[in-house]
Amino acid sequence: MFTTRQIAVTLALPLLIIFLTPLITAVDVDGDTSLSAYDLLASYDFPVGILPKGVTGYDLDNSTGKWSAYLNGSCSFALEGSYQLRYKSRIGGYIAKDRLTSLYGVSVKVLFLWLNIGEVVKNGENLEFSVGIASASFPLYNFLVCPQCGCGLNCNSNGQILKIRNSHLVSSV
């Protein structure tokens, strides 16, 4: 013979499972980190090279597009000797197809000032970076490879800046 408690538990358990299953599924869908942060960018039609190597994880709210990516620490490097970039250990904003908005944690050095990059828009074969009222456009092929912290794209296999070797030969015409 069953007690009242055993009957209540027997009836409550299936109801509990029915009510909790949608919550568990929603957490799994929103918290799905089986994709890397680089795969996430590609799924929104961005090249992976807008993030440096070494992103350790990310968060994404699928319903709003709010995202954050995490590095082991802050990161800075120069690209082609002209632009110096700095990433904080946590960067983020809102992501949509071909558009990153309300960015935080990424800045570029212009002359002697560090300016926050607030928006990145993919426009055809170019990426447009906005820093307030100013913006600059660069071809996508510049972002096919992820830069490394410290040395950017000019790195040796140890992650150190490549030394430019020059010839000691002098020619005269």
Protein backbone atom coordinates (compact mmCIF):
# COMPACT_ATOMS: atom_id res chain seq x y z
CA MET A 1 0.00 0.00 0.00
CA PHE A 2 1.29 3.50 -0.88
CA THR A 3 1.45 6.31 1.61
CA THR A 4 0.13 9.78 0.82
CA ARG A 5 3.72 11.04 0.65
CA GLN A 6 4.75 8.39 -1.92
CA ILE A 7 1.72 9.22 -4.08
CA ALA A 8 2.49 12.95 -3.90
CA VAL A 9 6.14 12.39 -4.90
CA THR A 10 5.08 10.02 -7.71
CA LEU A 11 2.68 12.64 -9.11
CA ALA A 12 4.95 15.64 -8.49
CA LEU A 13 8.07 14.23 -10.16
CA PRO A 14 6.62 14.07 -13.72
CA LEU A 15 5.09 17.53 -13.30
CA LEU A 16 8.42 18.91 -12.11
CA ILE A 17 10.20 17.40 -15.13
CA ILE A 18 7.58 18.82 -17.51
CA PHE A 19 7.92 22.33 -16.06
CA LEU A 20 11.73 22.34 -15.77
CA THR A 21 12.56 20.88 -19.21
CA PRO A 22 11.94 24.16 -21.12
CA LEU A 23 14.13 26.04 -18.62
CA ILE A 24 16.97 23.55 -18.97
CA THR A 25 16.71 23.66 -22.77
CA ALA A 26 16.73 27.47 -22.78
CA VAL A 27 19.88 27.54 -20.66
CA ASP A 28 21.55 25.02 -22.98
CA VAL A 29 20.65 27.01 -26.10
CA ASP A 30 21.74 30.40 -24.72
CA GLY A 31 24.75 28.98 -22.92
CA ASP A 32 25.93 26.82 -25.82
CA THR A 33 29.66 27.40 -25.96
CA SER A 34 30.44 24.48 -28.26
CA LEU A 35 31.42 27.11 -30.82
CA SER A 36 34.59 29.09 -30.23
CA ALA A 37 34.44 32.88 -30.12
CA TYR A 38 36.02 32.82 -33.59
CA ASP A 39 33.28 30.48 -34.90
CA LEU A 40 30.71 32.82 -33.37
CA LEU A 41 32.17 35.76 -35.33
CA ALA A 42 32.11 33.72 -38.54
CA SER A 43 28.46 32.79 -37.95
CA TYR A 44 27.67 36.54 -38.01
CA ASP A 45 29.72 36.98 -41.22
CA PHE A 46 32.82 38.54 -39.62
CA PRO A 47 36.43 37.46 -40.22
CA VAL A 48 38.15 35.83 -37.24
CA GLY A 49 41.06 38.28 -37.32
CA ILE A 50 39.17 41.05 -35.57
CA LEU A 51 39.91 39.14 -32.35
CA PRO A 52 43.45 38.36 -31.21
CA LYS A 53 44.59 34.79 -30.57
CA GLY A 54 43.96 33.58 -27.07
CA VAL A 55 40.26 34.25 -26.47
CA THR A 56 39.42 31.87 -23.63
CA GLY A 57 35.63 32.02 -23.82
CA TYR A 58 32.58 34.12 -24.49
CA ASP A 59 29.00 34.77 -23.42
CA LEU A 60 26.13 35.39 -25.81
CA ASP A 61 22.52 36.29 -25.14
CA ASN A 62 20.81 35.01 -28.29
CA SER A 63 17.67 37.04 -27.64
CA THR A 64 19.42 40.43 -27.53
CA GLY A 65 22.73 39.82 -29.32
CA LYS A 66 24.68 41.02 -26.28
CA TRP A 67 28.05 39.27 -26.13
CA SER A 68 31.33 39.33 -24.23
CA ALA A 69 34.65 37.65 -25.01
CA TYR A 70 37.42 36.95 -22.53
CA LEU A 71 41.21 37.02 -22.81
CA ASN A 72 43.71 35.89 -20.16
CA GLY A 73 44.69 39.52 -19.68
CA SER A 74 44.93 42.79 -21.53
CA CYS A 75 46.50 42.64 -24.96
CA SER A 76 48.17 45.17 -27.22
CA PHE A 77 50.05 45.06 -30.51
CA ALA A 78 50.85 47.13 -33.58
CA LEU A 79 49.62 46.31 -37.05
CA GLU A 80 51.96 47.00 -39.92
CA GLY A 81 53.69 49.57 -37.75
CA SER A 82 50.88 52.08 -38.20
CA TYR A 83 48.00 51.26 -35.86
CA GLN A 84 48.40 50.22 -32.27
CA LEU A 85 45.47 48.28 -30.80
CA ARG A 86 44.63 47.49 -27.20
CA TYR A 87 42.15 44.89 -25.94
CA LYS A 88 41.07 44.70 -22.31
CA SER A 89 40.68 41.26 -20.73
CA ARG A 90 36.92 41.52 -21.33
CA ILE A 91 35.50 42.96 -24.53
CA GLY A 92 31.97 42.96 -25.87
CA GLY A 93 28.95 44.77 -27.15
CA TYR A 94 26.07 43.71 -29.39
CA ILE A 95 26.45 41.43 -32.38
CA ALA A 96 24.21 41.05 -35.43
CA LYS A 97 24.89 39.98 -38.99
CA ASP A 98 27.59 42.29 -40.40
CA ARG A 99 27.43 44.66 -37.38
CA LEU A 100 29.11 44.98 -33.98
CA THR A 101 27.75 47.89 -31.94
CA SER A 102 28.19 49.48 -28.50
CA LEU A 103 31.65 47.93 -28.31
CA TYR A 104 33.74 48.23 -25.18
CA GLY A 105 37.21 47.04 -24.31
CA VAL A 106 38.89 47.71 -27.70
CA SER A 107 40.80 50.88 -28.48
CA VAL A 108 43.14 52.22 -31.15
CA LYS A 109 45.92 54.75 -30.80
CA VAL A 110 45.50 57.71 -33.12
CA LEU A 111 48.43 60.12 -32.90
CA PHE A 112 48.85 60.37 -29.12
CA LEU A 113 45.28 59.52 -28.10
CA TRP A 114 43.68 56.19 -27.32
CA LEU A 115 40.16 56.10 -28.82
CA ASN A 116 37.54 53.45 -28.17
CA ILE A 117 36.32 51.54 -31.20
CA GLY A 118 32.55 51.74 -30.80
CA GLU A 119 31.30 50.00 -33.92
CA VAL A 120 32.46 47.64 -36.66
CA VAL A 121 30.35 47.22 -39.79
CA LYS A 122 30.99 44.80 -42.63
CA ASN A 123 30.22 46.64 -45.86
CA GLY A 124 30.81 44.40 -48.86
CA GLU A 125 34.49 43.44 -48.89
CA ASN A 126 35.46 46.05 -46.28
CA LEU A 127 35.25 46.51 -42.53
CA GLU A 128 34.42 49.98 -41.26
CA PHE A 129 35.67 50.86 -37.78
CA SER A 130 34.07 53.81 -36.00
CA VAL A 131 35.61 55.82 -33.17
CA GLY A 132 32.98 58.42 -32.35
CA ILE A 133 32.34 60.62 -35.37
CA ALA A 134 35.40 59.36 -37.29
CA SER A 135 35.69 56.04 -39.10
CA ALA A 136 38.16 54.12 -41.25
CA SER A 137 37.58 51.36 -43.77
CA PHE A 138 39.90 48.39 -44.40
CA PRO A 139 39.70 45.43 -46.81
CA LEU A 140 38.47 42.15 -45.27
CA TYR A 141 41.61 40.28 -46.32
CA ASN A 142 43.51 42.19 -43.61
CA PHE A 143 41.50 40.27 -40.98
CA LEU A 144 41.72 36.68 -42.17
CA VAL A 145 44.42 35.84 -39.60
CA CYS A 146 44.20 36.51 -35.87
CA PRO A 147 46.96 38.76 -34.51
CA GLN A 148 48.91 37.74 -31.41
CA CYS A 149 49.17 39.84 -28.30
CA GLY A 150 52.52 41.59 -28.17
CA CYS A 151 53.59 41.04 -31.77
CA GLY A 152 50.45 41.35 -33.92
CA LEU A 153 50.95 39.65 -37.29
CA ASN A 154 54.77 39.88 -37.24
CA CYS A 155 55.38 36.96 -34.89
CA ASN A 156 57.83 34.10 -34.92
CA SER A 157 56.88 30.61 -33.72
CA ASN A 158 57.59 31.64 -30.10
CA GLY A 159 55.13 34.56 -30.26
CA GLN A 160 57.88 37.18 -30.38
CA ILE A 161 58.21 40.06 -32.83
CA LEU A 162 60.12 39.10 -35.96
CA LYS A 163 63.32 41.01 -36.40
CA ILE A 164 63.66 42.66 -39.77
CA ARG A 165 66.97 41.70 -41.26
CA ASN A 166 68.62 44.12 -43.57
CA SER A 167 71.45 43.52 -45.93
CA HIS A 168 74.80 45.05 -45.15
CA LEU A 169 75.49 45.38 -48.83
CA VAL A 170 75.57 48.88 -50.18
CA SER A 171 75.07 49.51 -53.82
CA SER A 172 75.78 52.59 -55.80
CA VAL A 173 74.37 53.44 -59.15
